[in-house]
Structure formats: C-alpha cells, structure tokens
Amino acid sequence: MSLKNQCLLFAAVQQRMALVEWINTKVPNFYMSVKASDEELRASLLDGDILGHILQRLRYSSIDEVRNMLFIYVLNFRVLIPT
C-alpha cells in the first residue's frame, strides 16, 4: 500500500472515530465503540433512529438559540428606546 493510500485510510478511520464519538454524545441510550467498523456504523444508522434523535435535538437547540437571541434583542431594544 502506498503512503498516500495509508494516509487516506488513516484519515477515514479518524473521521469515523470522530463521528462515532459525536453520535455517542448526542443520542441518549446509544453507545458504540469508537473502533466500530464501517459496516457496524452503517448497520446502526440504517433504521433512522439515530438520525431522528439528532434532528430532534438540533431542532430544539436551534429554537432555544433563536429564543435567546430574540430575548437579548428585545432587552437591548428596550434599553435603547426608553418608554
């Protein structure tokens, strides 16, 4: 195997490990070893449960972020324009 192919393989393994670590932190009641193979990861993603958990979590965190930004904006607006 050439050095370039070894580097590409190493990068792919690192990316898969980072993805598994991220999923482990975002999805409740889910744990997969960071040494999981592509096939193991693919099998756990096929049913869509993990994607659903991630989308739901992102949706709610995004809503909270927007609410917080609007709240700060309203507070700042009230300070700038006294009633």
C-alpha atoms as a PDB file:
ATOM      1  CA  MET A   1       0.000   0.000   0.000  1.00  0.00           C
ATOM      2  CA  SER A   2       1.373   3.379  -0.962  1.00  0.00           C
ATOM      3  CA  LEU A   3       1.968   6.127   1.579  1.00  0.00           C
ATOM      4  CA  LYS A   4      -0.833   8.185   0.037  1.00  0.00           C
ATOM      5  CA  ASN A   5      -3.317   5.312   0.436  1.00  0.00           C
ATOM      6  CA  GLN A   6      -2.180   4.754   4.018  1.00  0.00           C
ATOM      7  CA  CYS A   7      -2.762   8.425   4.800  1.00  0.00           C
ATOM      8  CA  LEU A   8      -6.230   8.316   3.207  1.00  0.00           C
ATOM      9  CA  LEU A   9      -7.115   5.193   5.168  1.00  0.00           C
ATOM     10  CA  PHE A  10      -5.869   6.763   8.405  1.00  0.00           C
ATOM     11  CA  ALA A  11      -7.906   9.911   7.732  1.00  0.00           C
ATOM     12  CA  ALA A  12     -11.042   7.835   7.062  1.00  0.00           C
ATOM     13  CA  VAL A  13     -10.576   5.916  10.312  1.00  0.00           C
ATOM     14  CA  GLN A  14     -10.094   9.171  12.248  1.00  0.00           C
ATOM     15  CA  GLN A  15     -13.250  10.649  10.711  1.00  0.00           C
ATOM     16  CA  ARG A  16     -15.287   7.537  11.546  1.00  0.00           C
ATOM     17  CA  MET A  17     -13.999   7.594  15.140  1.00  0.00           C
ATOM     18  CA  ALA A  18     -14.896  11.282  15.477  1.00  0.00           C
ATOM     19  CA  LEU A  19     -18.383  10.618  14.078  1.00  0.00           C
ATOM     20  CA  VAL A  20     -18.997   7.745  16.496  1.00  0.00           C
ATOM     21  CA  GLU A  21     -17.811   9.870  19.441  1.00  0.00           C
ATOM     22  CA  TRP A  22     -20.132  12.691  18.360  1.00  0.00           C
ATOM     23  CA  ILE A  23     -23.121  10.354  17.968  1.00  0.00           C
ATOM     24  CA  ASN A  24     -22.383   8.833  21.387  1.00  0.00           C
ATOM     25  CA  THR A  25     -22.643  12.296  22.965  1.00  0.00           C
ATOM     26  CA  LYS A  26     -25.783  13.386  21.093  1.00  0.00           C
ATOM     27  CA  VAL A  27     -28.014  10.312  21.184  1.00  0.00           C
ATOM     28  CA  PRO A  28     -29.301   9.111  24.572  1.00  0.00           C
ATOM     29  CA  ASN A  29     -29.041   5.421  25.376  1.00  0.00           C
ATOM     30  CA  PHE A  30     -26.677   4.817  22.472  1.00  0.00           C
ATOM     31  CA  TYR A  31     -23.121   3.663  22.715  1.00  0.00           C
ATOM     32  CA  MET A  32     -20.862   2.352  20.024  1.00  0.00           C
ATOM     33  CA  SER A  33     -17.168   1.661  20.319  1.00  0.00           C
ATOM     34  CA  VAL A  34     -15.008   4.198  18.519  1.00  0.00           C
ATOM     35  CA  LYS A  35     -13.294   1.182  16.961  1.00  0.00           C
ATOM     36  CA  ALA A  36     -16.510   0.181  15.180  1.00  0.00           C
ATOM     37  CA  SER A  37     -16.175  -0.806  11.550  1.00  0.00           C
ATOM     38  CA  ASP A  38     -17.896   0.931   8.650  1.00  0.00           C
ATOM     39  CA  GLU A  39     -20.342  -1.981   8.475  1.00  0.00           C
ATOM     40  CA  GLU A  40     -21.242  -1.700  12.177  1.00  0.00           C
ATOM     41  CA  LEU A  41     -21.764   2.041  11.891  1.00  0.00           C
ATOM     42  CA  ARG A  42     -23.825   1.651   8.720  1.00  0.00           C
ATOM     43  CA  ALA A  43     -25.997  -1.024  10.362  1.00  0.00           C
ATOM     44  CA  SER A  44     -26.738   1.219  13.343  1.00  0.00           C
ATOM     45  CA  LEU A  45     -27.687   4.130  11.065  1.00  0.00           C
ATOM     46  CA  LEU A  46     -29.966   2.215   8.687  1.00  0.00           C
ATOM     47  CA  ASP A  47     -33.157   2.288  10.765  1.00  0.00           C
ATOM     48  CA  GLY A  48     -33.142   6.090  11.069  1.00  0.00           C
ATOM     49  CA  ASP A  49     -33.499   6.238  14.872  1.00  0.00           C
ATOM     50  CA  ILE A  50     -30.150   7.954  15.353  1.00  0.00           C
ATOM     51  CA  LEU A  51     -30.905  10.488  12.637  1.00  0.00           C
ATOM     52  CA  GLY A  52     -34.283  11.197  14.227  1.00  0.00           C
ATOM     53  CA  HIS A  53     -32.699  11.809  17.645  1.00  0.00           C
ATOM     54  CA  ILE A  54     -30.074  14.101  16.155  1.00  0.00           C
ATOM     55  CA  LEU A  55     -32.600  16.114  14.131  1.00  0.00           C
ATOM     56  CA  GLN A  56     -34.913  16.471  17.109  1.00  0.00           C
ATOM     57  CA  ARG A  57     -32.065  17.632  19.314  1.00  0.00           C
ATOM     58  CA  LEU A  58     -30.801  20.099  16.710  1.00  0.00           C
ATOM     59  CA  ARG A  59     -34.313  21.422  16.175  1.00  0.00           C
ATOM     60  CA  TYR A  60     -34.900  22.118  19.856  1.00  0.00           C
ATOM     61  CA  SER A  61     -31.460  23.583  20.432  1.00  0.00           C
ATOM     62  CA  SER A  62     -31.940  25.832  17.417  1.00  0.00           C
ATOM     63  CA  ILE A  63     -35.326  27.007  18.720  1.00  0.00           C
ATOM     64  CA  ASP A  64     -33.787  27.767  22.110  1.00  0.00           C
ATOM     65  CA  GLU A  65     -30.935  29.667  20.461  1.00  0.00           C
ATOM     66  CA  VAL A  66     -33.385  31.774  18.448  1.00  0.00           C
ATOM     67  CA  ARG A  67     -35.483  32.462  21.555  1.00  0.00           C
ATOM     68  CA  ASN A  68     -32.389  33.535  23.475  1.00  0.00           C
ATOM     69  CA  MET A  69     -31.236  35.779  20.644  1.00  0.00           C
ATOM     70  CA  LEU A  70     -34.694  37.375  20.378  1.00  0.00           C
ATOM     71  CA  PHE A  71     -34.853  37.887  24.134  1.00  0.00           C
ATOM     72  CA  ILE A  72     -31.469  39.612  24.137  1.00  0.00           C
ATOM     73  CA  TYR A  73     -32.527  41.712  21.150  1.00  0.00           C
ATOM     74  CA  VAL A  74     -35.743  42.797  22.892  1.00  0.00           C
ATOM     75  CA  LEU A  75     -33.845  43.666  26.064  1.00  0.00           C
ATOM     76  CA  ASN A  76     -31.316  45.714  24.123  1.00  0.00           C
ATOM     77  CA  PHE A  77     -34.098  47.413  22.154  1.00  0.00           C
ATOM     78  CA  ARG A  78     -35.875  48.422  25.360  1.00  0.00           C
ATOM     79  CA  VAL A  79     -32.655  49.900  26.719  1.00  0.00           C
ATOM     80  CA  LEU A  80     -32.105  51.921  23.548  1.00  0.00           C
ATOM     81  CA  ILE A  81     -35.669  53.234  23.371  1.00  0.00           C
ATOM     82  CA  PRO A  82     -36.942  54.170  26.851  1.00  0.00           C
ATOM     83  CA  THR A  83     -40.690  54.022  27.335  1.00  0.00           C
END
